Amino acid sequence: MEKSKLLMERIRDGDDSAFTKLVQPLIDKAYKTAFFIVGSRVDAEDVVQNSLIESYSNIISSDKINNFPAWFHKLVSRRSIDMLRKEKRRNLDIGDNDSFQSNRPNPFEEVIATETNNEVRMAIDSLENADYQRVLVMYYYQELQVSEIAEILDVNVSTVKTHLRRAREVLSRNFILRKGMEACK
């Protein structure tokens, strides 16, 4: 955290390379988060780009950012949700369902990975509680610690743990119900 504060001071002093050092380790997780929320590679890239611009502006104009990585992940999540809401208001399809993969060994594995990603995504989207969705994405896709999630969402650690537990329970119940209904067909 001290490193990020020093880098932000260097940015305010005009050192543009410090911004690269500050955000470079965060880009992959930010893209994965944005992609999961908006569902489109192009939109995810736009979200990350806009978040980078906004974060640079905020660093220059303010010194009130205490934990930049947590603040940046929160910014990306919020901007992703904003974009999703904007797209839904326009009644547009929110994108293709390409899976986020850099290595594509063969078409069969690609189809399996895409189907699995779609099923997981649909399961998380089926949760009615948006807090459960956010916590699952941050924990499993961004690979954030419970304490980091609590800081980003500005809630207690115990609240994050409760949301994780309850979300898992709902997903488990939904899975069991779906398998039971398929067996009855």
C-alpha atoms as a PDB file:
ATOM      1  CA  MET A   1       0.000   0.000   0.000  1.00  0.00           C
ATOM      2  CA  GLU A   2       2.880   2.366   0.741  1.00  0.00           C
ATOM      3  CA  LYS A   3       4.282   1.584  -2.694  1.00  0.00           C
ATOM      4  CA  SER A   4       1.063   2.687  -4.350  1.00  0.00           C
ATOM      5  CA  LYS A   5       1.042   5.931  -2.331  1.00  0.00           C
ATOM      6  CA  LEU A   6       4.607   6.662  -3.434  1.00  0.00           C
ATOM      7  CA  LEU A   7       3.713   5.938  -7.052  1.00  0.00           C
ATOM      8  CA  MET A   8       0.685   8.229  -6.835  1.00  0.00           C
ATOM      9  CA  GLU A   9       2.921  11.016  -5.495  1.00  0.00           C
ATOM     10  CA  ARG A  10       5.288  10.482  -8.432  1.00  0.00           C
ATOM     11  CA  ILE A  11       2.307  10.670 -10.818  1.00  0.00           C
ATOM     12  CA  ARG A  12       1.236  13.984  -9.286  1.00  0.00           C
ATOM     13  CA  ASP A  13       4.822  15.199  -9.777  1.00  0.00           C
ATOM     14  CA  GLY A  14       4.551  14.444 -13.512  1.00  0.00           C
ATOM     15  CA  ASP A  15       6.147  10.977 -13.755  1.00  0.00           C
ATOM     16  CA  ASP A  16       3.901   9.171 -16.281  1.00  0.00           C
ATOM     17  CA  SER A  17       5.894   5.937 -16.014  1.00  0.00           C
ATOM     18  CA  ALA A  18       4.765   5.687 -12.381  1.00  0.00           C
ATOM     19  CA  PHE A  19       1.164   5.312 -13.557  1.00  0.00           C
ATOM     20  CA  THR A  20       2.147   2.323 -15.677  1.00  0.00           C
ATOM     21  CA  LYS A  21       3.905   0.754 -12.686  1.00  0.00           C
ATOM     22  CA  LEU A  22       0.856   1.395 -10.524  1.00  0.00           C
ATOM     23  CA  VAL A  23      -1.811  -0.084 -12.818  1.00  0.00           C
ATOM     24  CA  GLN A  24       0.053  -2.788 -14.757  1.00  0.00           C
ATOM     25  CA  PRO A  25      -0.378  -5.495 -12.077  1.00  0.00           C
ATOM     26  CA  LEU A  26      -4.113  -4.741 -11.886  1.00  0.00           C
ATOM     27  CA  ILE A  27      -5.047  -4.834 -15.582  1.00  0.00           C
ATOM     28  CA  ASP A  28      -5.640  -8.597 -15.988  1.00  0.00           C
ATOM     29  CA  LYS A  29      -7.969  -8.884 -12.999  1.00  0.00           C
ATOM     30  CA  ALA A  30      -9.742  -5.690 -14.027  1.00  0.00           C
ATOM     31  CA  TYR A  31     -10.346  -7.054 -17.536  1.00  0.00           C
ATOM     32  CA  LYS A  32     -11.610 -10.391 -16.206  1.00  0.00           C
ATOM     33  CA  THR A  33     -14.002  -8.621 -13.854  1.00  0.00           C
ATOM     34  CA  ALA A  34     -15.290  -6.290 -16.542  1.00  0.00           C
ATOM     35  CA  PHE A  35     -15.681  -9.155 -19.017  1.00  0.00           C
ATOM     36  CA  PHE A  36     -17.623 -11.247 -16.546  1.00  0.00           C
ATOM     37  CA  ILE A  37     -19.993  -8.402 -15.751  1.00  0.00           C
ATOM     38  CA  VAL A  38     -20.574  -6.960 -19.237  1.00  0.00           C
ATOM     39  CA  GLY A  39     -20.186 -10.194 -21.198  1.00  0.00           C
ATOM     40  CA  SER A  40     -18.348  -8.708 -24.153  1.00  0.00           C
ATOM     41  CA  ARG A  41     -14.651  -8.405 -24.859  1.00  0.00           C
ATOM     42  CA  VAL A  42     -15.028  -5.054 -26.579  1.00  0.00           C
ATOM     43  CA  ASP A  43     -17.149  -3.612 -23.771  1.00  0.00           C
ATOM     44  CA  ALA A  44     -14.755  -4.995 -21.157  1.00  0.00           C
ATOM     45  CA  GLU A  45     -11.848  -3.298 -22.912  1.00  0.00           C
ATOM     46  CA  ASP A  46     -13.818  -0.037 -22.965  1.00  0.00           C
ATOM     47  CA  VAL A  47     -14.592  -0.316 -19.268  1.00  0.00           C
ATOM     48  CA  VAL A  48     -10.953  -0.916 -18.361  1.00  0.00           C
ATOM     49  CA  GLN A  49      -9.772   1.919 -20.626  1.00  0.00           C
ATOM     50  CA  ASN A  50     -12.299   4.357 -19.170  1.00  0.00           C
ATOM     51  CA  SER A  51     -11.413   3.239 -15.651  1.00  0.00           C
ATOM     52  CA  LEU A  52      -7.743   3.885 -16.330  1.00  0.00           C
ATOM     53  CA  ILE A  53      -8.505   7.381 -17.579  1.00  0.00           C
ATOM     54  CA  GLU A  54     -10.764   8.097 -14.614  1.00  0.00           C
ATOM     55  CA  SER A  55      -8.225   6.733 -12.138  1.00  0.00           C
ATOM     56  CA  TYR A  56      -5.459   8.900 -13.610  1.00  0.00           C
ATOM     57  CA  SER A  57      -7.666  11.986 -13.335  1.00  0.00           C
ATOM     58  CA  ASN A  58      -8.552  11.157  -9.744  1.00  0.00           C
ATOM     59  CA  ILE A  59      -4.928  10.620  -8.790  1.00  0.00           C
ATOM     60  CA  ILE A  60      -3.949  13.982 -10.268  1.00  0.00           C
ATOM     61  CA  SER A  61      -6.835  15.884  -8.688  1.00  0.00           C
ATOM     62  CA  SER A  62      -7.015  14.200  -5.278  1.00  0.00           C
ATOM     63  CA  ASP A  63      -4.861  12.487  -2.696  1.00  0.00           C
ATOM     64  CA  LYS A  64      -7.769  10.764  -0.915  1.00  0.00           C
ATOM     65  CA  ILE A  65      -7.125   7.295  -2.366  1.00  0.00           C
ATOM     66  CA  ASN A  66      -5.802   5.162   0.490  1.00  0.00           C
ATOM     67  CA  ASN A  67      -5.637   1.696  -1.080  1.00  0.00           C
ATOM     68  CA  PHE A  68      -5.322   2.101  -4.837  1.00  0.00           C
ATOM     69  CA  PRO A  69      -5.715  -1.589  -5.850  1.00  0.00           C
ATOM     70  CA  ALA A  70      -8.970  -1.923  -3.886  1.00  0.00           C
ATOM     71  CA  TRP A  71     -10.176   1.472  -5.105  1.00  0.00           C
ATOM     72  CA  PHE A  72      -9.369   0.578  -8.729  1.00  0.00           C
ATOM     73  CA  HIS A  73     -11.176  -2.796  -8.572  1.00  0.00           C
ATOM     74  CA  LYS A  74     -14.190  -1.063  -7.081  1.00  0.00           C
ATOM     75  CA  LEU A  75     -14.077   1.520  -9.887  1.00  0.00           C
ATOM     76  CA  VAL A  76     -13.908  -1.173 -12.591  1.00  0.00           C
ATOM     77  CA  SER A  77     -16.795  -3.089 -11.021  1.00  0.00           C
ATOM     78  CA  ARG A  78     -18.944   0.011 -10.789  1.00  0.00           C
ATOM     79  CA  ARG A  79     -18.180   1.154 -14.339  1.00  0.00           C
ATOM     80  CA  SER A  80     -18.938  -2.348 -15.615  1.00  0.00           C
ATOM     81  CA  ILE A  81     -22.291  -2.324 -13.874  1.00  0.00           C
ATOM     82  CA  ASP A  82     -22.942   1.179 -15.236  1.00  0.00           C
ATOM     83  CA  MET A  83     -22.247  -0.024 -18.772  1.00  0.00           C
ATOM     84  CA  LEU A  84     -24.457  -3.065 -18.313  1.00  0.00           C
ATOM     85  CA  ARG A  85     -27.314  -0.886 -17.073  1.00  0.00           C
ATOM     86  CA  LYS A  86     -26.830   1.492 -19.982  1.00  0.00           C
ATOM     87  CA  GLU A  87     -26.944  -1.379 -22.467  1.00  0.00           C
ATOM     88  CA  LYS A  88     -30.015  -2.879 -20.826  1.00  0.00           C
ATOM     89  CA  ARG A  89     -31.783   0.463 -21.040  1.00  0.00           C
ATOM     90  CA  ARG A  90     -31.124   0.491 -24.751  1.00  0.00           C
ATOM     91  CA  ASN A  91     -32.494  -3.068 -24.967  1.00  0.00           C
ATOM     92  CA  LEU A  92     -29.357  -4.263 -26.717  1.00  0.00           C
ATOM     93  CA  ASP A  93     -27.853  -7.683 -26.590  1.00  0.00           C
ATOM     94  CA  ILE A  94     -24.942  -7.309 -24.146  1.00  0.00           C
ATOM     95  CA  GLY A  95     -22.470  -9.195 -26.260  1.00  0.00           C
ATOM     96  CA  ASP A  96     -21.136 -12.452 -27.405  1.00  0.00           C
ATOM     97  CA  ASN A  97     -20.528 -15.297 -25.018  1.00  0.00           C
ATOM     98  CA  ASP A  98     -16.903 -15.868 -25.869  1.00  0.00           C
ATOM     99  CA  SER A  99     -15.017 -17.381 -23.024  1.00  0.00           C
ATOM    100  CA  PHE A 100     -11.974 -15.587 -21.668  1.00  0.00           C
ATOM    101  CA  GLN A 101      -9.153 -17.804 -22.873  1.00  0.00           C
ATOM    102  CA  SER A 102      -5.736 -16.930 -24.157  1.00  0.00           C
ATOM    103  CA  ASN A 103      -4.783 -20.496 -25.152  1.00  0.00           C
ATOM    104  CA  ARG A 104      -7.148 -22.427 -27.377  1.00  0.00           C
ATOM    105  CA  PRO A 105      -5.732 -25.916 -27.722  1.00  0.00           C
ATOM    106  CA  ASN A 106      -8.457 -27.438 -29.900  1.00  0.00           C
ATOM    107  CA  PRO A 107     -12.062 -26.770 -30.904  1.00  0.00           C
ATOM    108  CA  PHE A 108     -13.516 -29.522 -28.684  1.00  0.00           C
ATOM    109  CA  GLU A 109     -11.865 -28.133 -25.541  1.00  0.00           C
ATOM    110  CA  GLU A 110     -12.916 -24.639 -26.577  1.00  0.00           C
ATOM    111  CA  VAL A 111     -16.567 -25.711 -26.858  1.00  0.00           C
ATOM    112  CA  ILE A 112     -16.436 -27.453 -23.462  1.00  0.00           C
ATOM    113  CA  ALA A 113     -14.824 -24.393 -21.852  1.00  0.00           C
ATOM    114  CA  THR A 114     -17.363 -22.053 -23.437  1.00  0.00           C
ATOM    115  CA  GLU A 115     -20.295 -24.189 -22.287  1.00  0.00           C
ATOM    116  CA  THR A 116     -18.887 -24.449 -18.769  1.00  0.00           C
ATOM    117  CA  ASN A 117     -18.276 -20.698 -18.622  1.00  0.00           C
ATOM    118  CA  ASN A 118     -21.823 -20.053 -19.846  1.00  0.00           C
ATOM    119  CA  GLU A 119     -23.311 -22.424 -17.255  1.00  0.00           C
ATOM    120  CA  VAL A 120     -21.342 -20.828 -14.417  1.00  0.00           C
ATOM    121  CA  ARG A 121     -22.261 -17.373 -15.657  1.00  0.00           C
ATOM    122  CA  MET A 122     -25.953 -18.271 -15.911  1.00  0.00           C
ATOM    123  CA  ALA A 123     -25.850 -19.796 -12.423  1.00  0.00           C
ATOM    124  CA  ILE A 124     -24.341 -16.645 -10.938  1.00  0.00           C
ATOM    125  CA  ASP A 125     -26.712 -14.442 -12.943  1.00  0.00           C
ATOM    126  CA  SER A 126     -29.634 -16.493 -11.624  1.00  0.00           C
ATOM    127  CA  LEU A 127     -28.902 -15.313  -8.101  1.00  0.00           C
ATOM    128  CA  GLU A 128     -31.467 -12.676  -7.220  1.00  0.00           C
ATOM    129  CA  ASN A 129     -29.188 -10.978  -4.703  1.00  0.00           C
ATOM    130  CA  ALA A 130     -26.716  -8.680  -6.494  1.00  0.00           C
ATOM    131  CA  ASP A 131     -24.443  -8.676  -3.431  1.00  0.00           C
ATOM    132  CA  TYR A 132     -24.060 -12.448  -3.752  1.00  0.00           C
ATOM    133  CA  GLN A 133     -23.167 -12.062  -7.429  1.00  0.00           C
ATOM    134  CA  ARG A 134     -20.551  -9.374  -6.732  1.00  0.00           C
ATOM    135  CA  VAL A 135     -18.925 -11.326  -3.915  1.00  0.00           C
ATOM    136  CA  LEU A 136     -18.707 -14.517  -6.003  1.00  0.00           C
ATOM    137  CA  VAL A 137     -17.150 -12.676  -8.949  1.00  0.00           C
ATOM    138  CA  MET A 138     -14.612 -10.899  -6.765  1.00  0.00           C
ATOM    139  CA  TYR A 139     -13.707 -14.038  -4.825  1.00  0.00           C
ATOM    140  CA  TYR A 140     -13.524 -16.585  -7.649  1.00  0.00           C
ATOM    141  CA  TYR A 141     -12.797 -14.522 -10.772  1.00  0.00           C
ATOM    142  CA  GLN A 142     -10.718 -11.672  -9.378  1.00  0.00           C
ATOM    143  CA  GLU A 143      -9.206 -13.992  -6.763  1.00  0.00           C
ATOM    144  CA  LEU A 144      -9.465 -11.313  -4.090  1.00  0.00           C
ATOM    145  CA  GLN A 145      -9.158 -12.080  -0.388  1.00  0.00           C
ATOM    146  CA  VAL A 146     -12.247 -11.778   1.801  1.00  0.00           C
ATOM    147  CA  SER A 147     -10.689  -8.778   3.550  1.00  0.00           C
ATOM    148  CA  GLU A 148     -10.058  -7.052   0.207  1.00  0.00           C
ATOM    149  CA  ILE A 149     -13.654  -7.656  -0.884  1.00  0.00           C
ATOM    150  CA  ALA A 150     -14.890  -6.228   2.416  1.00  0.00           C
ATOM    151  CA  GLU A 151     -12.822  -3.102   1.869  1.00  0.00           C
ATOM    152  CA  ILE A 152     -13.975  -2.670  -1.733  1.00  0.00           C
ATOM    153  CA  LEU A 153     -17.642  -3.125  -0.849  1.00  0.00           C
ATOM    154  CA  ASP A 154     -17.253  -1.162   2.390  1.00  0.00           C
ATOM    155  CA  VAL A 155     -18.789  -3.924   4.528  1.00  0.00           C
ATOM    156  CA  ASN A 156     -17.593  -6.128   7.397  1.00  0.00           C
ATOM    157  CA  VAL A 157     -15.505  -9.220   6.693  1.00  0.00           C
ATOM    158  CA  SER A 158     -18.220 -11.321   8.336  1.00  0.00           C
ATOM    159  CA  THR A 159     -20.765  -9.906   5.866  1.00  0.00           C
ATOM    160  CA  VAL A 160     -18.604 -11.023   2.930  1.00  0.00           C
ATOM    161  CA  LYS A 161     -18.223 -14.494   4.442  1.00  0.00           C
ATOM    162  CA  THR A 162     -21.982 -14.705   4.979  1.00  0.00           C
ATOM    163  CA  HIS A 163     -22.680 -13.616   1.390  1.00  0.00           C
ATOM    164  CA  LEU A 164     -20.235 -16.233   0.089  1.00  0.00           C
ATOM    165  CA  ARG A 165     -21.784 -18.992   2.189  1.00  0.00           C
ATOM    166  CA  ARG A 166     -25.349 -18.079   1.274  1.00  0.00           C
ATOM    167  CA  ALA A 167     -24.520 -17.698  -2.420  1.00  0.00           C
ATOM    168  CA  ARG A 168     -22.918 -21.150  -2.443  1.00  0.00           C
ATOM    169  CA  GLU A 169     -25.971 -22.597  -0.711  1.00  0.00           C
ATOM    170  CA  VAL A 170     -28.353 -21.057  -3.252  1.00  0.00           C
ATOM    171  CA  LEU A 171     -26.220 -22.247  -6.164  1.00  0.00           C
ATOM    172  CA  SER A 172     -26.045 -25.732  -4.664  1.00  0.00           C
ATOM    173  CA  ARG A 173     -29.827 -25.875  -4.162  1.00  0.00           C
ATOM    174  CA  ASN A 174     -30.434 -24.633  -7.709  1.00  0.00           C
ATOM    175  CA  PHE A 175     -28.031 -27.253  -9.083  1.00  0.00           C
ATOM    176  CA  ILE A 176     -29.713 -30.072  -7.154  1.00  0.00           C
ATOM    177  CA  LEU A 177     -33.184 -28.908  -8.248  1.00  0.00           C
ATOM    178  CA  ARG A 178     -32.111 -28.673 -11.882  1.00  0.00           C
ATOM    179  CA  LYS A 179     -30.539 -32.139 -11.840  1.00  0.00           C
ATOM    180  CA  GLY A 180     -33.680 -33.539 -10.210  1.00  0.00           C
ATOM    181  CA  MET A 181     -35.907 -31.962 -12.859  1.00  0.00           C
ATOM    182  CA  GLU A 182     -33.686 -33.332 -15.643  1.00  0.00           C
ATOM    183  CA  ALA A 183     -33.919 -36.827 -14.137  1.00  0.00           C
ATOM    184  CA  CYS A 184     -37.744 -36.625 -14.188  1.00  0.00           C
ATOM    185  CA  LYS A 185     -37.863 -35.913 -17.952  1.00  0.00           C
END
